[in-house]
N, C-alpha and C. Protein backbone atom coordinates (compact mmCIF):
# COMPACT_ATOMS: atom_id res chain seq x y z
N UNK A 1 -4.63 -14.50 0.31
CA UNK A 1 -4.68 -13.19 -0.65
C UNK A 1 -5.58 -13.37 -2.18
N UNK A 2 -6.25 -12.69 -2.46
CA UNK A 2 -6.90 -12.45 -3.61
C UNK A 2 -6.20 -11.80 -4.98
N UNK A 3 -6.72 -12.34 -5.47
CA UNK A 3 -5.92 -11.77 -6.63
C UNK A 3 -6.41 -9.91 -7.12
N UNK A 4 -7.85 -9.77 -6.95
CA UNK A 4 -7.98 -8.65 -6.91
C UNK A 4 -7.12 -7.56 -6.43
N UNK A 5 -6.35 -8.35 -4.90
CA UNK A 5 -5.73 -7.39 -4.20
C UNK A 5 -4.42 -7.15 -4.99
N UNK A 6 -3.59 -8.36 -5.40
CA UNK A 6 -2.47 -8.17 -6.05
C UNK A 6 -2.84 -7.77 -7.51
N UNK A 7 -3.48 -7.53 -7.93
CA UNK A 7 -4.11 -6.79 -9.26
C UNK A 7 -3.79 -5.04 -8.74
N UNK A 8 -4.26 -4.89 -7.96
CA UNK A 8 -4.66 -3.47 -7.85
C UNK A 8 -3.43 -3.13 -6.79
N UNK A 9 -2.61 -3.84 -6.23
CA UNK A 9 -0.95 -3.26 -6.14
C UNK A 9 0.07 -3.16 -7.16
N UNK A 10 -0.44 -3.96 -7.94
CA UNK A 10 0.57 -3.85 -9.07
C UNK A 10 0.75 -2.79 -9.87
N UNK A 11 -0.03 -1.74 -9.99
CA UNK A 11 -0.11 -1.06 -10.80
C UNK A 11 0.36 0.66 -10.09
N UNK A 12 1.45 0.91 -10.74
CA UNK A 12 2.26 2.23 -10.04
C UNK A 12 1.30 3.43 -9.36
N UNK A 13 0.35 3.76 -10.52
CA UNK A 13 -0.45 4.95 -10.01
C UNK A 13 -1.21 4.55 -8.79
N UNK A 14 -1.68 3.32 -8.36
CA UNK A 14 -2.97 2.98 -7.25
C UNK A 14 -1.50 3.03 -6.47
N UNK A 15 -0.13 2.43 -6.34
CA UNK A 15 0.52 2.30 -5.35
C UNK A 15 0.87 4.12 -4.63
N UNK A 16 1.03 4.71 -5.77
CA UNK A 16 1.04 6.14 -5.64
C UNK A 16 -0.35 6.51 -4.93
N UNK A 17 -1.25 6.22 -5.36
CA UNK A 17 -2.68 6.78 -4.57
C UNK A 17 -2.63 6.41 -3.00
N UNK A 18 -2.15 5.04 -2.98
CA UNK A 18 -1.82 4.59 -1.68
C UNK A 18 -0.92 5.39 -0.87
N UNK A 19 0.16 5.91 -1.22
CA UNK A 19 1.11 6.22 -0.41
C UNK A 19 0.81 7.80 -0.12
N UNK A 20 -0.14 8.12 -0.63
CA UNK A 20 -0.23 9.45 -0.51
C UNK A 20 -1.48 9.43 0.51
N UNK A 21 -2.73 8.41 0.51
CA UNK A 21 -3.43 8.39 1.59
C UNK A 21 -3.03 7.84 3.05
N UNK A 22 -1.53 7.33 2.80
CA UNK A 22 -0.89 6.37 3.83
C UNK A 22 -0.98 7.82 4.90
N UNK A 23 -0.34 9.12 4.29
CA UNK A 23 -0.22 10.52 5.08
C UNK A 23 -1.24 10.88 5.66
N UNK A 24 -2.47 10.87 4.90
CA UNK A 24 -4.04 11.60 5.17
C UNK A 24 -5.01 11.27 4.27
N UNK A 25 -6.03 11.13 5.07
CA UNK A 25 -7.49 11.03 3.98
C UNK A 25 -7.73 12.36 3.31
N UNK A 26 -7.88 11.61 1.73
CA UNK A 26 -8.04 12.81 0.74
C UNK A 26 -9.16 12.31 -0.39
N UNK A 27 -9.51 13.39 -0.36
CA UNK A 27 -10.60 13.70 -1.59
C UNK A 27 -10.54 13.12 -3.03
N UNK A 28 -11.37 13.27 -3.67
CA UNK A 28 -10.32 12.11 -5.22
C UNK A 28 -10.27 13.80 -5.68
N UNK A 29 -10.47 14.88 -5.78
CA UNK A 29 -9.80 16.06 -6.34
C UNK A 29 -8.35 16.66 -5.62
N UNK A 30 -8.43 15.96 -4.15
CA UNK A 30 -7.34 16.58 -3.67
C UNK A 30 -6.06 15.40 -4.09
N UNK A 31 -6.44 14.04 -4.52
CA UNK A 31 -5.47 13.23 -4.75
C UNK A 31 -5.29 13.31 -6.32
N UNK A 32 -6.05 14.09 -7.20
CA UNK A 32 -5.80 14.08 -8.70
C UNK A 32 -4.92 15.17 -8.70
N UNK A 33 -5.07 16.20 -7.72
CA UNK A 33 -4.19 17.48 -8.09
C UNK A 33 -2.65 17.18 -7.44
N UNK A 34 -2.84 16.08 -6.04
CA UNK A 34 -1.10 15.83 -5.55
C UNK A 34 -0.49 14.76 -7.00
N UNK A 35 -1.59 13.93 -7.46
CA UNK A 35 -0.80 13.30 -8.20
C UNK A 35 -0.38 13.19 -9.56
N UNK A 36 -1.12 14.32 -10.27
CA UNK A 36 -1.01 15.11 -11.78
C UNK A 36 -2.26 14.32 -12.11
N UNK A 37 -2.79 13.68 -11.74
CA UNK A 37 -4.23 12.99 -12.37
C UNK A 37 -5.29 13.49 -13.18
N UNK A 38 -5.91 13.05 -14.05
CA UNK A 38 -7.09 13.37 -14.31
C UNK A 38 -8.45 12.87 -12.75
N UNK A 39 -9.57 13.69 -12.75
CA UNK A 39 -10.45 13.12 -12.03
C UNK A 39 -10.62 11.63 -12.14
N UNK A 40 -11.44 11.39 -13.46
CA UNK A 40 -11.70 10.24 -13.74
C UNK A 40 -10.49 9.38 -13.72
N UNK A 41 -9.65 9.36 -13.79
CA UNK A 41 -8.33 8.58 -14.01
C UNK A 41 -8.32 8.03 -12.28
N UNK A 42 -7.89 9.16 -11.80
CA UNK A 42 -8.16 9.10 -10.08
C UNK A 42 -9.34 8.04 -9.27
N UNK A 43 -10.56 8.36 -10.07
CA UNK A 43 -11.69 7.98 -9.58
C UNK A 43 -11.55 6.45 -10.03
N UNK A 44 -11.19 5.99 -10.90
CA UNK A 44 -10.97 4.88 -11.32
C UNK A 44 -10.34 4.19 -10.70
N UNK A 45 -8.80 4.63 -10.37
CA UNK A 45 -8.17 4.02 -9.52
C UNK A 45 -8.33 3.62 -8.46
N UNK A 46 -9.36 4.60 -7.90
CA UNK A 46 -9.77 4.16 -6.60
C UNK A 46 -10.89 3.74 -6.19
N UNK A 47 -11.82 3.08 -7.72
CA UNK A 47 -12.46 2.12 -7.64
C UNK A 47 -11.92 0.65 -7.67
N UNK A 48 -10.93 0.69 -7.98
CA UNK A 48 -10.14 -0.72 -8.37
C UNK A 48 -9.65 -1.32 -6.96
N UNK A 49 -8.96 0.14 -6.33
CA UNK A 49 -8.77 -0.05 -4.61
C UNK A 49 -9.53 -0.30 -3.61
N UNK A 50 -11.12 0.10 -4.00
CA UNK A 50 -11.78 -0.02 -2.84
C UNK A 50 -12.42 -1.55 -3.37
N UNK A 51 -12.29 -1.75 -4.34
CA UNK A 51 -13.16 -3.37 -5.05
C UNK A 51 -12.19 -4.16 -4.03
N UNK A 52 -10.75 -4.14 -4.03
CA UNK A 52 -9.88 -4.71 -3.14
C UNK A 52 -9.68 -4.94 -1.85
N UNK A 53 -10.35 -3.94 -1.42
CA UNK A 53 -10.45 -3.69 -0.12
C UNK A 53 -9.75 -2.95 0.59
N UNK A 54 -8.42 -2.11 0.06
CA UNK A 54 -7.74 -1.20 0.41
C UNK A 54 -7.91 -0.12 1.10
N UNK A 55 -9.55 0.76 0.41
CA UNK A 55 -9.52 1.78 0.80
C UNK A 55 -10.74 1.59 1.29
N UNK A 56 -10.80 2.81 1.99
CA UNK A 56 -12.94 2.73 2.16
C UNK A 56 -13.23 4.45 1.85
N UNK A 57 -14.39 4.38 1.75
CA UNK A 57 -14.83 5.78 1.47
C UNK A 57 -15.24 6.09 2.14
N UNK A 58 -15.77 7.87 2.66
CA UNK A 58 -16.90 8.13 3.40
C UNK A 58 -17.82 9.52 3.13
N UNK A 59 -18.85 9.77 3.05
CA UNK A 59 -19.37 11.31 2.56
C UNK A 59 -18.95 12.21 3.40
N UNK A 60 -18.76 13.13 3.32
CA UNK A 60 -18.67 14.58 4.39
C UNK A 60 -18.99 15.61 3.16
N UNK A 61 -19.99 15.78 3.60
CA UNK A 61 -20.95 17.15 2.57
C UNK A 61 -20.80 16.47 0.92
N UNK A 62 -20.43 17.27 0.14
CA UNK A 62 -20.38 16.65 -1.18
C UNK A 62 -19.74 16.00 -1.53
N UNK A 63 -18.20 15.93 -0.42
CA UNK A 63 -17.14 15.31 -0.90
C UNK A 63 -16.88 13.75 -0.28
N UNK A 64 -16.28 13.00 -1.07
CA UNK A 64 -16.29 11.37 -0.87
C UNK A 64 -14.81 11.29 -0.21
N UNK A 65 -14.17 10.91 1.28
CA UNK A 65 -13.13 11.12 1.60
C UNK A 65 -12.75 9.52 1.55
N UNK A 66 -11.36 9.07 0.88
CA UNK A 66 -11.10 7.81 0.66
C UNK A 66 -9.97 7.81 2.35
N UNK A 67 -9.78 6.76 2.88
CA UNK A 67 -8.71 6.30 3.62
C UNK A 67 -8.31 4.94 3.80
N UNK A 68 -6.68 4.51 3.93
CA UNK A 68 -6.46 3.00 3.80
C UNK A 68 -7.35 2.41 4.51
N UNK A 69 -7.79 1.02 4.44
CA UNK A 69 -8.35 0.15 5.07
C UNK A 69 -7.39 -0.56 5.85
N UNK A 70 -7.27 -0.25 7.09
CA UNK A 70 -6.03 -0.95 8.12
C UNK A 70 -6.37 -2.24 8.21
N UNK A 71 -7.42 -3.05 8.15
CA UNK A 71 -7.74 -4.44 8.21
C UNK A 71 -7.23 -5.00 6.82
N UNK A 72 -7.45 -4.81 5.69
CA UNK A 72 -6.84 -5.02 5.10
C UNK A 72 -5.22 -5.39 4.74
N UNK A 73 -4.91 -4.02 5.35
CA UNK A 73 -2.96 -4.02 4.91
C UNK A 73 -2.78 -5.00 5.89
N UNK A 74 -3.23 -5.27 7.39
CA UNK A 74 -3.14 -5.92 8.27
C UNK A 74 -2.90 -7.32 7.97
N UNK A 75 -3.94 -7.94 6.93
CA UNK A 75 -4.03 -8.98 6.55
C UNK A 75 -2.81 -9.39 5.24
N UNK A 76 -2.32 -7.88 4.75
CA UNK A 76 -1.54 -8.46 3.74
C UNK A 76 -0.06 -8.46 4.70
N UNK A 77 0.07 -7.59 5.47
CA UNK A 77 1.20 -7.67 6.46
C UNK A 77 1.38 -9.55 6.70
N UNK A 78 -0.05 -9.88 7.31
CA UNK A 78 0.41 -11.18 8.14
C UNK A 78 1.06 -11.91 6.98
N UNK A 79 0.24 -11.69 5.66
CA UNK A 79 0.61 -12.93 4.51
C UNK A 79 2.47 -12.46 4.15
N UNK A 80 3.07 -11.55 4.18
CA UNK A 80 4.28 -11.42 3.93
C UNK A 80 5.14 -11.66 5.38
N UNK A 81 4.85 -11.88 6.27
CA UNK A 81 5.40 -11.75 7.30
C UNK A 81 6.43 -13.04 7.11
N UNK A 82 5.85 -14.27 6.97
CA UNK A 82 6.92 -14.99 6.64
C UNK A 82 8.15 -15.16 5.80
N UNK A 83 7.53 -14.30 4.61
CA UNK A 83 9.06 -14.09 3.54
C UNK A 83 9.96 -12.86 4.71
N UNK A 84 9.49 -11.98 5.28
CA UNK A 84 10.36 -11.26 6.33
C UNK A 84 10.82 -11.79 6.99
N UNK A 85 10.73 -12.90 7.03
CA UNK A 85 11.92 -13.74 8.50
C UNK A 85 12.53 -14.50 7.46
N UNK A 86 12.16 -14.66 6.71
CA UNK A 86 13.11 -15.56 5.60
C UNK A 86 14.34 -14.59 5.44
N UNK A 87 13.97 -13.52 5.05
CA UNK A 87 15.04 -12.24 4.34
C UNK A 87 15.59 -11.97 6.10
N UNK A 88 15.10 -11.63 6.89
CA UNK A 88 15.81 -11.62 8.25
C UNK A 88 16.41 -12.51 8.78
N UNK A 89 16.45 -14.04 8.51
CA UNK A 89 17.03 -15.26 8.93
C UNK A 89 18.49 -14.98 8.10
N UNK A 90 18.80 -14.61 6.96
CA UNK A 90 19.61 -14.69 5.73
C UNK A 90 20.32 -13.55 6.09
N UNK A 91 19.66 -12.52 6.55
CA UNK A 91 20.66 -11.71 6.44
C UNK A 91 21.35 -11.56 8.31
N UNK A 92 20.76 -11.98 9.25
CA UNK A 92 21.20 -12.22 10.63
C UNK A 92 22.58 -13.26 10.40
N UNK A 93 22.77 -14.30 9.23
CA UNK A 93 23.71 -15.14 9.28
C UNK A 93 24.64 -14.41 8.33
N UNK A 94 24.15 -13.78 7.82
CA UNK A 94 25.10 -12.76 6.69
C UNK A 94 25.68 -11.69 7.86
N UNK A 95 25.18 -11.49 8.59
CA UNK A 95 25.78 -10.37 9.27
C UNK A 95 27.01 -11.08 10.60
N UNK A 96 26.42 -11.90 10.86
CA UNK A 96 27.21 -12.96 11.97
C UNK A 96 28.52 -13.20 11.08
N UNK A 97 28.46 -13.40 9.68
CA UNK A 97 29.61 -14.19 8.96
C UNK A 97 30.68 -13.10 9.01
N UNK A 98 29.82 -11.61 8.63
CA UNK A 98 30.53 -10.58 8.40
C UNK A 98 31.55 -10.27 9.84
N UNK A 99 30.77 -10.51 10.92
CA UNK A 99 31.18 -9.67 11.98
C UNK A 99 32.39 -10.83 12.39
N UNK A 100 32.23 -12.12 12.27
CA UNK A 100 33.11 -13.13 12.71
C UNK A 100 34.81 -13.05 11.39
N UNK A 101 34.69 -12.64 10.60
CA UNK A 101 35.53 -12.22 9.30
C UNK A 101 36.28 -11.23 10.00
N UNK A 102 35.64 -10.01 10.41
CA UNK A 102 36.28 -8.96 10.72
C UNK A 102 37.67 -9.28 12.30
N UNK A 103 36.96 -10.22 12.93
CA UNK A 103 37.83 -10.63 14.40
C UNK A 103 38.74 -11.39 13.75
N UNK A 104 39.16 -12.51 12.54
CA UNK A 104 40.18 -13.05 12.07
C UNK A 104 41.39 -12.13 11.32
């Protein structure tokens, strides 16, 4: 994982942009309107997300449409997997403990 990825994800405004893009591809104006950001601010956040490899952009007539880059998200998911297993293992142990406590 690169520092650029973590720097991009740490900002709550950029996470809000990703949440919207998770639902559908959007143009800068749509994102700005939905999130209540100015267009320059939205463009700045999109540039950071694009530089981190989290979003892609394509041209459609005069508009630039942004989407999440699934490859980068898969890389992030793979990095997080061992941590999820750690918590799942701990939660399974807790669940078994609670189940056995109910039986007594």
